[in-house]
Amino acid sequence: SEEDLARVVGQTRIEPLLARSVETLSGGEAQRVALARA
């Protein structure tokens, strides 16, 4: 659900990154997104 998405975004603190292209992410940001996706 969208609630699940919000919980994961909060856990990994990636809300400021949601609209970003993954091509523009730093190594640390990309791994946080990868953790969120897992």
Full PDB file with SEQRES, HELIX, SHEET, SSBOND, CRYST1, ORIGX, SCALE, CONECT and MASTER records, all heavy atoms in Angstrom:
SEQRES   1 A   38  SER GLU GLU ASP LEU ALA ARG VAL VAL GLY GLN THR ARG          
SEQRES   2 A   38  ILE GLU PRO LEU LEU ALA ARG SER VAL GLU THR LEU SER          
SEQRES   3 A   38  GLY GLY GLU ALA GLN ARG VAL ALA LEU ALA ARG ALA              
HELIX    1 AA1 GLU A    2  THR A   12  1                                  11    
HELIX    2 AA2 GLU A   15  LEU A   17  5                                   3    
HELIX    3 AA3 VAL A   22  THR A   24  5                                   3    
HELIX    4 AA4 GLY A   27  ARG A   37  1                                  11    
CRYST1    1.000    1.000    1.000  90.00  90.00  90.00 P 1           1          
ORIGX1      1.000000  0.000000  0.000000        0.00000                         
ORIGX2      0.000000  1.000000  0.000000        0.00000                         
ORIGX3      0.000000  0.000000  1.000000        0.00000                         
SCALE1      1.000000  0.000000  0.000000        0.00000                         
SCALE2      0.000000  1.000000  0.000000        0.00000                         
SCALE3      0.000000  0.000000  1.000000        0.00000                         
ATOM      1  N   SER A   1       0.826  -1.200   0.000  1.00  0.00           N  
ATOM      2  CA  SER A   1       0.000   0.000   0.000  1.00  0.00           C  
ATOM      3  C   SER A   1       0.865   1.257   0.000  1.00  0.00           C  
ATOM      4  O   SER A   1       2.083   1.211   0.196  1.00  0.00           O  
ATOM      5  CB  SER A   1      -0.889   0.010   1.243  1.00  0.00           C  
ATOM      6  OG  SER A   1      -0.096   0.122   2.414  1.00  0.00           O  
ATOM      7  N   GLU A   2       0.202   2.398  -0.180  1.00  0.00           N  
ATOM      8  CA  GLU A   2       0.895   3.686  -0.074  1.00  0.00           C  
ATOM      9  C   GLU A   2       1.409   3.910   1.347  1.00  0.00           C  
ATOM     10  O   GLU A   2       2.447   4.548   1.549  1.00  0.00           O  
ATOM     11  CB  GLU A   2      -0.056   4.823  -0.470  1.00  0.00           C  
ATOM     12  CG  GLU A   2      -0.355   4.905  -1.956  1.00  0.00           C  
ATOM     13  CD  GLU A   2       0.822   5.441  -2.764  1.00  0.00           C  
ATOM     14  OE1 GLU A   2       1.732   6.035  -2.153  1.00  0.00           O  
ATOM     15  OE2 GLU A   2       0.837   5.264  -3.995  1.00  0.00           O  
ATOM     16  N   GLU A   3       0.686   3.370   2.325  1.00  0.00           N  
ATOM     17  CA  GLU A   3       1.135   3.479   3.708  1.00  0.00           C  
ATOM     18  C   GLU A   3       2.449   2.704   3.908  1.00  0.00           C  
ATOM     19  O   GLU A   3       3.340   3.159   4.637  1.00  0.00           O  
ATOM     20  CB  GLU A   3       0.069   2.944   4.671  1.00  0.00           C  
ATOM     21  CG  GLU A   3      -1.157   3.823   4.806  1.00  0.00           C  
ATOM     22  CD  GLU A   3      -2.091   3.745   3.593  1.00  0.00           C  
ATOM     23  OE1 GLU A   3      -1.960   2.778   2.790  1.00  0.00           O  
ATOM     24  OE2 GLU A   3      -2.944   4.648   3.457  1.00  0.00           O  
ATOM     25  N   ASP A   4       2.551   1.538   3.260  1.00  0.00           N  
ATOM     26  CA  ASP A   4       3.790   0.772   3.320  1.00  0.00           C  
ATOM     27  C   ASP A   4       4.941   1.571   2.708  1.00  0.00           C  
ATOM     28  O   ASP A   4       6.060   1.593   3.234  1.00  0.00           O  
ATOM     29  CB  ASP A   4       3.642  -0.558   2.574  1.00  0.00           C  
ATOM     30  CG  ASP A   4       2.656  -1.498   3.236  1.00  0.00           C  
ATOM     31  OD1 ASP A   4       2.581  -1.501   4.481  1.00  0.00           O  
ATOM     32  OD2 ASP A   4       1.958  -2.232   2.511  1.00  0.00           O  
ATOM     33  N   LEU A   5       4.651   2.225   1.585  1.00  0.00           N  
ATOM     34  CA  LEU A   5       5.664   3.047   0.930  1.00  0.00           C  
ATOM     35  C   LEU A   5       6.130   4.174   1.850  1.00  0.00           C  
ATOM     36  O   LEU A   5       7.335   4.417   2.001  1.00  0.00           O  
ATOM     37  CB  LEU A   5       5.112   3.622  -0.371  1.00  0.00           C  
ATOM     38  CG  LEU A   5       6.023   4.596  -1.124  1.00  0.00           C  
ATOM     39  CD1 LEU A   5       7.292   3.911  -1.582  1.00  0.00           C  
ATOM     40  CD2 LEU A   5       5.291   5.214  -2.312  1.00  0.00           C  
ATOM     41  N   ALA A   6       5.188   4.842   2.481  1.00  0.00           N  
ATOM     42  CA  ALA A   6       5.535   5.949   3.379  1.00  0.00           C  
ATOM     43  C   ALA A   6       6.382   5.459   4.548  1.00  0.00           C  
ATOM     44  O   ALA A   6       7.329   6.144   4.979  1.00  0.00           O  
ATOM     45  CB  ALA A   6       4.269   6.625   3.883  1.00  0.00           C  
ATOM     46  N   ARG A   7       6.061   4.278   5.064  1.00  0.00           N  
ATOM     47  CA  ARG A   7       6.834   3.732   6.195  1.00  0.00           C  
ATOM     48  C   ARG A   7       8.277   3.454   5.782  1.00  0.00           C  
ATOM     49  O   ARG A   7       9.227   3.803   6.490  1.00  0.00           O  
ATOM     50  CB  ARG A   7       6.171   2.451   6.695  1.00  0.00           C  
ATOM     51  CG  ARG A   7       6.948   1.716   7.775  1.00  0.00           C  
ATOM     52  CD  ARG A   7       6.220   0.459   8.219  1.00  0.00           C  
ATOM     53  NE  ARG A   7       5.807  -0.362   7.098  1.00  0.00           N  
ATOM     54  CZ  ARG A   7       6.626  -1.181   6.425  1.00  0.00           C  
ATOM     55  NH1 ARG A   7       7.896  -1.264   6.775  1.00  0.00           N  
ATOM     56  NH2 ARG A   7       6.172  -1.916   5.424  1.00  0.00           N  
ATOM     57  N   VAL A   8       8.462   2.838   4.619  1.00  0.00           N  
ATOM     58  CA  VAL A   8       9.804   2.507   4.144  1.00  0.00           C  
ATOM     59  C   VAL A   8      10.603   3.771   3.837  1.00  0.00           C  
ATOM     60  O   VAL A   8      11.789   3.863   4.160  1.00  0.00           O  
ATOM     61  CB  VAL A   8       9.706   1.594   2.903  1.00  0.00           C  
ATOM     62  CG1 VAL A   8      11.061   1.481   2.208  1.00  0.00           C  
ATOM     63  CG2 VAL A   8       9.194   0.220   3.289  1.00  0.00           C  
ATOM     64  N   VAL A   9       9.946   4.752   3.229  1.00  0.00           N  
ATOM     65  CA  VAL A   9      10.615   6.030   2.940  1.00  0.00           C  
ATOM     66  C   VAL A   9      11.089   6.676   4.234  1.00  0.00           C  
ATOM     67  O   VAL A   9      12.200   7.210   4.312  1.00  0.00           O  
ATOM     68  CB  VAL A   9       9.664   6.968   2.158  1.00  0.00           C  
ATOM     69  CG1 VAL A   9      10.210   8.400   2.122  1.00  0.00           C  
ATOM     70  CG2 VAL A   9       9.459   6.456   0.732  1.00  0.00           C  
ATOM     71  N   GLY A  10      10.255   6.607   5.266  1.00  0.00           N  
ATOM     72  CA  GLY A  10      10.645   7.162   6.557  1.00  0.00           C  
ATOM     73  C   GLY A  10      11.799   6.403   7.184  1.00  0.00           C  
ATOM     74  O   GLY A  10      12.714   7.009   7.757  1.00  0.00           O  
ATOM     75  N   GLN A  11      11.767   5.069   7.106  1.00  0.00           N  
ATOM     76  CA  GLN A  11      12.834   4.245   7.682  1.00  0.00           C  
ATOM     77  C   GLN A  11      14.196   4.568   7.074  1.00  0.00           C  
ATOM     78  O   GLN A  11      15.218   4.582   7.765  1.00  0.00           O  
ATOM     79  CB  GLN A  11      12.546   2.756   7.442  1.00  0.00           C  
ATOM     80  CG  GLN A  11      11.604   2.119   8.438  1.00  0.00           C  
ATOM     81  CD  GLN A  11      11.415   0.645   8.128  1.00  0.00           C  
ATOM     82  OE1 GLN A  11      10.971   0.274   7.046  1.00  0.00           O  
ATOM     83  NE2 GLN A  11      11.773  -0.191   9.075  1.00  0.00           N  
ATOM     84  N   THR A  12      14.211   4.798   5.764  1.00  0.00           N  
ATOM     85  CA  THR A  12      15.477   4.987   5.053  1.00  0.00           C  
ATOM     86  C   THR A  12      15.789   6.455   4.762  1.00  0.00           C  
ATOM     87  O   THR A  12      16.820   6.764   4.159  1.00  0.00           O  
ATOM     88  CB  THR A  12      15.451   4.203   3.731  1.00  0.00           C  
ATOM     89  OG1 THR A  12      14.261   4.545   2.996  1.00  0.00           O  
ATOM     90  CG2 THR A  12      15.444   2.706   3.997  1.00  0.00           C  
ATOM     91  N   ARG A  13      14.891   7.332   5.177  1.00  0.00           N  
ATOM     92  CA  ARG A  13      15.080   8.783   5.062  1.00  0.00           C  
ATOM     93  C   ARG A  13      15.413   9.231   3.633  1.00  0.00           C  
ATOM     94  O   ARG A  13      16.366   9.974   3.384  1.00  0.00           O  
ATOM     95  CB  ARG A  13      16.154   9.262   6.049  1.00  0.00           C  
ATOM     96  CG  ARG A  13      15.814   8.955   7.501  1.00  0.00           C  
ATOM     97  CD  ARG A  13      16.659   9.765   8.474  1.00  0.00           C  
ATOM     98  NE  ARG A  13      18.055   9.371   8.488  1.00  0.00           N  
ATOM     99  CZ  ARG A  13      18.549   8.384   9.235  1.00  0.00           C  
ATOM    100  NH1 ARG A  13      17.750   7.682  10.024  1.00  0.00           N  
ATOM    101  NH2 ARG A  13      19.836   8.102   9.217  1.00  0.00           N  
ATOM    102  N   ILE A  14      14.588   8.780   2.689  1.00  0.00           N  
ATOM    103  CA  ILE A  14      14.848   9.118   1.279  1.00  0.00           C  
ATOM    104  C   ILE A  14      13.771  10.026   0.681  1.00  0.00           C  
ATOM    105  O   ILE A  14      13.749  10.207  -0.543  1.00  0.00           O  
ATOM    106  CB  ILE A  14      14.977   7.843   0.415  1.00  0.00           C  
ATOM    107  CG1 ILE A  14      13.690   7.011   0.462  1.00  0.00           C  
ATOM    108  CG2 ILE A  14      16.176   7.010   0.844  1.00  0.00           C  
ATOM    109  CD1 ILE A  14      13.642   5.906  -0.567  1.00  0.00           C  
ATOM    110  N   GLU A  15      12.908  10.599   1.517  1.00  0.00           N  
ATOM    111  CA  GLU A  15      11.843  11.446   0.973  1.00  0.00           C  
ATOM    112  C   GLU A  15      12.384  12.554   0.060  1.00  0.00           C  
ATOM    113  O   GLU A  15      11.820  12.795  -1.015  1.00  0.00           O  
ATOM    114  CB  GLU A  15      11.005  12.049   2.099  1.00  0.00           C  
ATOM    115  CG  GLU A  15       9.797  12.828   1.582  1.00  0.00           C  
ATOM    116  CD  GLU A  15       8.864  13.254   2.699  1.00  0.00           C  
ATOM    117  OE1 GLU A  15       9.192  13.016   3.874  1.00  0.00           O  
ATOM    118  OE2 GLU A  15       7.811  13.832   2.374  1.00  0.00           O  
ATOM    119  N   PRO A  16      13.513  13.234   0.394  1.00  0.00           N  
ATOM    120  CA  PRO A  16      14.021  14.278  -0.502  1.00  0.00           C  
ATOM    121  C   PRO A  16      14.521  13.744  -1.847  1.00  0.00           C  
ATOM    122  O   PRO A  16      14.762  14.527  -2.774  1.00  0.00           O  
ATOM    123  CB  PRO A  16      15.182  14.894   0.292  1.00  0.00           C  
ATOM    124  CG  PRO A  16      14.923  14.522   1.715  1.00  0.00           C  
ATOM    125  CD  PRO A  16      14.272  13.180   1.657  1.00  0.00           C  
ATOM    126  N   LEU A  17      14.660  12.416  -1.964  1.00  0.00           N  
ATOM    127  CA  LEU A  17      15.223  11.829  -3.180  1.00  0.00           C  
ATOM    128  C   LEU A  17      14.163  11.295  -4.139  1.00  0.00           C  
ATOM    129  O   LEU A  17      14.497  10.892  -5.268  1.00  0.00           O  
ATOM    130  CB  LEU A  17      16.176  10.673  -2.819  1.00  0.00           C  
ATOM    131  CG  LEU A  17      17.280  10.947  -1.800  1.00  0.00           C  
ATOM    132  CD1 LEU A  17      18.063   9.672  -1.533  1.00  0.00           C  
ATOM    133  CD2 LEU A  17      18.192  12.056  -2.285  1.00  0.00           C  
ATOM    134  N   LEU A  18      12.896  11.263  -3.745  1.00  0.00           N  
ATOM    135  CA  LEU A  18      11.881  10.532  -4.491  1.00  0.00           C  
ATOM    136  C   LEU A  18      11.755  10.962  -5.951  1.00  0.00           C  
ATOM    137  O   LEU A  18      11.524  10.126  -6.840  1.00  0.00           O  
ATOM    138  CB  LEU A  18      10.519  10.646  -3.793  1.00  0.00           C  
ATOM    139  CG  LEU A  18      10.397   9.890  -2.466  1.00  0.00           C  
ATOM    140  CD1 LEU A  18       9.038  10.143  -1.820  1.00  0.00           C  
ATOM    141  CD2 LEU A  18      10.604   8.390  -2.676  1.00  0.00           C  
ATOM    142  N   ALA A  19      11.908  12.246  -6.228  1.00  0.00           N  
ATOM    143  CA  ALA A  19      11.735  12.734  -7.598  1.00  0.00           C  
ATOM    144  C   ALA A  19      13.043  12.714  -8.393  1.00  0.00           C  
ATOM    145  O   ALA A  19      13.051  13.057  -9.581  1.00  0.00           O  
ATOM    146  CB  ALA A  19      11.168  14.153  -7.582  1.00  0.00           C  
ATOM    147  N   ARG A  20      14.130  12.277  -7.766  1.00  0.00           N  
ATOM    148  CA  ARG A  20      15.437  12.309  -8.423  1.00  0.00           C  
ATOM    149  C   ARG A  20      15.621  11.137  -9.382  1.00  0.00           C  
ATOM    150  O   ARG A  20      15.151  10.016  -9.145  1.00  0.00           O  
ATOM    151  CB  ARG A  20      16.548  12.262  -7.363  1.00  0.00           C  
ATOM    152  CG  ARG A  20      16.639  13.482  -6.469  1.00  0.00           C  
ATOM    153  CD  ARG A  20      17.713  14.426  -6.897  1.00  0.00           C  
ATOM    154  NE  ARG A  20      19.032  13.809  -6.929  1.00  0.00           N  
ATOM    155  CZ  ARG A  20      19.847  13.724  -5.865  1.00  0.00           C  
ATOM    156  NH1 ARG A  20      19.456  14.206  -4.683  1.00  0.00           N  
ATOM    157  NH2 ARG A  20      21.043  13.184  -5.985  1.00  0.00           N  
ATOM    158  N   SER A  21      16.340  11.374 -10.474  1.00  0.00           N  
ATOM    159  CA  SER A  21      16.794  10.291 -11.330  1.00  0.00           C  
ATOM    160  C   SER A  21      17.863   9.512 -10.576  1.00  0.00           C  
ATOM    161  O   SER A  21      18.719  10.100  -9.897  1.00  0.00           O  
ATOM    162  CB  SER A  21      17.379  10.851 -12.630  1.00  0.00           C  
ATOM    163  OG  SER A  21      18.154   9.869 -13.286  1.00  0.00           O  
ATOM    164  N   VAL A  22      17.841   8.188 -10.699  1.00  0.00           N  
ATOM    165  CA  VAL A  22      18.842   7.401  -9.991  1.00  0.00           C  
ATOM    166  C   VAL A  22      20.245   7.683 -10.527  1.00  0.00           C  
ATOM    167  O   VAL A  22      21.239   7.429  -9.841  1.00  0.00           O  
ATOM    168  CB  VAL A  22      18.531   5.888 -10.064  1.00  0.00           C  
ATOM    169  CG1 VAL A  22      17.209   5.578  -9.382  1.00  0.00           C  
ATOM    170  CG2 VAL A  22      18.519   5.399 -11.496  1.00  0.00           C  
ATOM    171  N   GLU A  23      20.326   8.213 -11.746  1.00  0.00           N  
ATOM    172  CA  GLU A  23      21.620   8.549 -12.325  1.00  0.00           C  
ATOM    173  C   GLU A  23      22.315   9.678 -11.559  1.00  0.00           C  
ATOM    174  O   GLU A  23      23.536   9.839 -11.653  1.00  0.00           O  
ATOM    175  CB  GLU A  23      21.462   8.962 -13.792  1.00  0.00           C  
ATOM    176  CG  GLU A  23      20.869   7.881 -14.688  1.00  0.00           C  
ATOM    177  CD  GLU A  23      21.897   6.842 -15.104  1.00  0.00           C  
ATOM    178  OE1 GLU A  23      23.047   6.960 -14.644  1.00  0.00           O  
ATOM    179  OE2 GLU A  23      21.557   5.940 -15.870  1.00  0.00           O  
ATOM    180  N   THR A  24      21.563  10.469 -10.822  1.00  0.00           N  
ATOM    181  CA  THR A  24      22.132  11.627 -10.128  1.00  0.00           C  
ATOM    182  C   THR A  24      22.471  11.338  -8.667  1.00  0.00           C  
ATOM    183  O   THR A  24      22.956  12.227  -7.964  1.00  0.00           O  
ATOM    184  CB  THR A  24      21.153  12.809 -10.170  1.00  0.00           C  
ATOM    185  OG1 THR A  24      20.000  12.514  -9.358  1.00  0.00           O  
ATOM    186  CG2 THR A  24      20.711  13.105 -11.597  1.00  0.00           C  
ATOM    187  N   LEU A  25      22.216  10.122  -8.202  1.00  0.00           N  
ATOM    188  CA  LEU A  25      22.421   9.801  -6.789  1.00  0.00           C  
ATOM    189  C   LEU A  25      23.887   9.536  -6.491  1.00  0.00           C  
ATOM    190  O   LEU A  25      24.619   8.954  -7.293  1.00  0.00           O  
ATOM    191  CB  LEU A  25      21.600   8.560  -6.406  1.00  0.00           C  
ATOM    192  CG  LEU A  25      20.081   8.642  -6.581  1.00  0.00           C  
ATOM    193  CD1 LEU A  25      19.452   7.296  -6.236  1.00  0.00           C  
ATOM    194  CD2 LEU A  25      19.485   9.755  -5.737  1.00  0.00           C  
ATOM    195  N   SER A  26      24.318   9.956  -5.297  1.00  0.00           N  
ATOM    196  CA  SER A  26      25.642   9.586  -4.821  1.00  0.00           C  
ATOM    197  C   SER A  26      25.625   8.110  -4.418  1.00  0.00           C  
ATOM    198  O   SER A  26      24.566   7.476  -4.349  1.00  0.00           O  
ATOM    199  CB  SER A  26      26.028  10.440  -3.616  1.00  0.00           C  
ATOM    200  OG  SER A  26      25.217  10.108  -2.492  1.00  0.00           O  
ATOM    201  N   GLY A  27      26.814   7.556  -4.116  1.00  0.00           N  
ATOM    202  CA  GLY A  27      26.878   6.158  -3.719  1.00  0.00           C  
ATOM    203  C   GLY A  27      26.055   5.863  -2.475  1.00  0.00           C  
ATOM    204  O   GLY A  27      25.316   4.874  -2.421  1.00  0.00           O  
ATOM    205  N   GLY A  28      26.138   6.737  -1.471  1.00  0.00           N  
ATOM    206  CA  GLY A  28      25.376   6.535  -0.243  1.00  0.00           C  
ATOM    207  C   GLY A  28      23.886   6.658  -0.476  1.00  0.00           C  
ATOM    208  O   GLY A  28      23.087   5.889   0.078  1.00  0.00           O  
ATOM    209  N   GLU A  29      23.480   7.634  -1.303  1.00  0.00           N  
ATOM    210  CA  GLU A  29      22.054   7.808  -1.603  1.00  0.00           C  
ATOM    211  C   GLU A  29      21.515   6.604  -2.368  1.00  0.00           C  
ATOM    212  O   GLU A  29      20.407   6.114  -2.081  1.00  0.00           O  
ATOM    213  CB  GLU A  29      21.858   9.082  -2.418  1.00  0.00           C  
ATOM    214  CG  GLU A  29      22.096  10.364  -1.633  1.00  0.00           C  
ATOM    215  CD  GLU A  29      22.145  11.596  -2.517  1.00  0.00           C  
ATOM    216  OE1 GLU A  29      22.374  11.463  -3.746  1.00  0.00           O  
ATOM    217  OE2 GLU A  29      21.962  12.710  -1.985  1.00  0.00           O  
ATOM    218  N   ALA A  30      22.299   6.120  -3.323  1.00  0.00           N  
ATOM    219  CA  ALA A  30      21.848   4.967  -4.112  1.00  0.00           C  
ATOM    220  C   ALA A  30      21.669   3.734  -3.240  1.00  0.00           C  
ATOM    221  O   ALA A  30      20.711   2.966  -3.419  1.00  0.00           O  
ATOM    222  CB  ALA A  30      22.842   4.693  -5.233  1.00  0.00           C  
ATOM    223  N   GLN A  31      22.554   3.536  -2.271  1.00  0.00           N  
ATOM    224  CA  GLN A  31      22.414   2.372  -1.403  1.00  0.00           C  
ATOM    225  C   GLN A  31      21.225   2.517  -0.453  1.00  0.00           C  
ATOM    226  O   GLN A  31      20.580   1.530  -0.114  1.00  0.00           O  
ATOM    227  CB  GLN A  31      23.705   2.123  -0.614  1.00  0.00           C  
ATOM    228  CG  GLN A  31      24.841   1.531  -1.447  1.00  0.00           C  
ATOM    229  CD  GLN A  31      24.511   0.149  -2.000  1.00  0.00           C  
ATOM    230  OE1 GLN A  31      23.531  -0.030  -2.712  1.00  0.00           O  
ATOM    231  NE2 GLN A  31      25.339  -0.833  -1.685  1.00  0.00           N  
ATOM    232  N   ARG A  32      20.923   3.729  -0.032  1.00  0.00           N  
ATOM    233  CA  ARG A  32      19.715   3.919   0.777  1.00  0.00           C  
ATOM    234  C   ARG A  32      18.465   3.591  -0.036  1.00  0.00           C  
ATOM    235  O   ARG A  32      17.521   2.982   0.472  1.00  0.00           O  
ATOM    236  CB  ARG A  32      19.644   5.352   1.298  1.00  0.00           C  
ATOM    237  CG  ARG A  32      20.408   5.563   2.600  1.00  0.00           C  
ATOM    238  CD  ARG A  32      20.035   6.866   3.250  1.00  0.00           C  
ATOM    239  NE  ARG A  32      20.577   8.012   2.545  1.00  0.00           N  
ATOM    240  CZ  ARG A  32      20.007   9.207   2.487  1.00  0.00           C  
ATOM    241  NH1 ARG A  32      18.843   9.415   3.066  1.00  0.00           N  
ATOM    242  NH2 ARG A  32      20.587  10.200   1.840  1.00  0.00           N  
ATOM    243  N   VAL A  33      18.451   3.990  -1.310  1.00  0.00           N  
ATOM    244  CA  VAL A  33      17.317   3.663  -2.171  1.00  0.00           C  
ATOM    245  C   VAL A  33      17.252   2.151  -2.402  1.00  0.00           C  
ATOM    246  O   VAL A  33      16.169   1.559  -2.386  1.00  0.00           O  
ATOM    247  CB  VAL A  33      17.424   4.418  -3.509  1.00  0.00           C  
ATOM    248  CG1 VAL A  33      16.320   3.960  -4.470  1.00  0.00           C  
ATOM    249  CG2 VAL A  33      17.319   5.923  -3.282  1.00  0.00           C  
ATOM    250  N   ALA A  34      18.405   1.523  -2.605  1.00  0.00           N  
ATOM    251  CA  ALA A  34      18.424   0.072  -2.785  1.00  0.00           C  
ATOM    252  C   ALA A  34      17.900  -0.644  -1.542  1.00  0.00           C  
ATOM    253  O   ALA A  34      17.164  -1.636  -1.637  1.00  0.00           O  
ATOM    254  CB  ALA A  34      19.840  -0.393  -3.113  1.00  0.00           C  
ATOM    255  N   LEU A  35      18.251  -0.139  -0.363  1.00  0.00           N  
ATOM    256  CA  LEU A  35      17.738  -0.715   0.877  1.00  0.00           C  
ATOM    257  C   LEU A  35      16.227  -0.515   0.970  1.00  0.00           C  
ATOM    258  O   LEU A  35      15.489  -1.442   1.341  1.00  0.00           O  
ATOM    259  CB  LEU A  35      18.433  -0.070   2.074  1.00  0.00           C  
ATOM    260  CG  LEU A  35      17.995  -0.528   3.457  1.00  0.00           C  
ATOM    261  CD1 LEU A  35      18.198  -2.022   3.638  1.00  0.00           C  
ATOM    262  CD2 LEU A  35      18.749   0.243   4.554  1.00  0.00           C  
ATOM    263  N   ALA A  36      15.763   0.669   0.603  1.00  0.00           N  
ATOM    264  CA  ALA A  36      14.318   0.934   0.618  1.00  0.00           C  
ATOM    265  C   ALA A  36      13.588  -0.010  -0.329  1.00  0.00           C  
ATOM    266  O   ALA A  36      12.512  -0.526  -0.009  1.00  0.00           O  
ATOM    267  CB  ALA A  36      14.047   2.386   0.231  1.00  0.00           C  
ATOM    268  N   ARG A  37      14.160  -0.245  -1.505  1.00  0.00           N  
ATOM    269  CA  ARG A  37      13.500  -1.132  -2.468  1.00  0.00           C  
ATOM    270  C   ARG A  37      13.456  -2.569  -1.949  1.00  0.00           C  
ATOM    271  O   ARG A  37      12.465  -3.289  -2.137  1.00  0.00           O  
ATOM    272  CB  ARG A  37      14.204  -1.079  -3.819  1.00  0.00           C  
ATOM    273  CG  ARG A  37      13.321  -1.588  -4.949  1.00  0.00           C  
ATOM    274  CD  ARG A  37      13.947  -1.395  -6.305  1.00  0.00           C  
ATOM    275  NE  ARG A  37      15.091  -2.268  -6.496  1.00  0.00           N  
ATOM    276  CZ  ARG A  37      15.676  -2.450  -7.675  1.00  0.00           C  
ATOM    277  NH1 ARG A  37      15.248  -1.788  -8.742  1.00  0.00           N  
ATOM    278  NH2 ARG A  37      16.701  -3.260  -7.799  1.00  0.00           N  
ATOM    279  N   ALA A  38      14.520  -3.001  -1.268  1.00  0.00           N  
ATOM    280  CA  ALA A  38      14.507  -4.339  -0.678  1.00  0.00           C  
ATOM    281  C   ALA A  38      13.434  -4.445   0.400  1.00  0.00           C  
ATOM    282  O   ALA A  38      12.748  -5.467   0.525  1.00  0.00           O  
ATOM    283  CB  ALA A  38      15.883  -4.659  -0.097  1.00  0.00           C  
TER     284      ALA A  38                                                      
MASTER        0    0    0    4    0    0    0    6  283    1    0    3          
END                                                                             
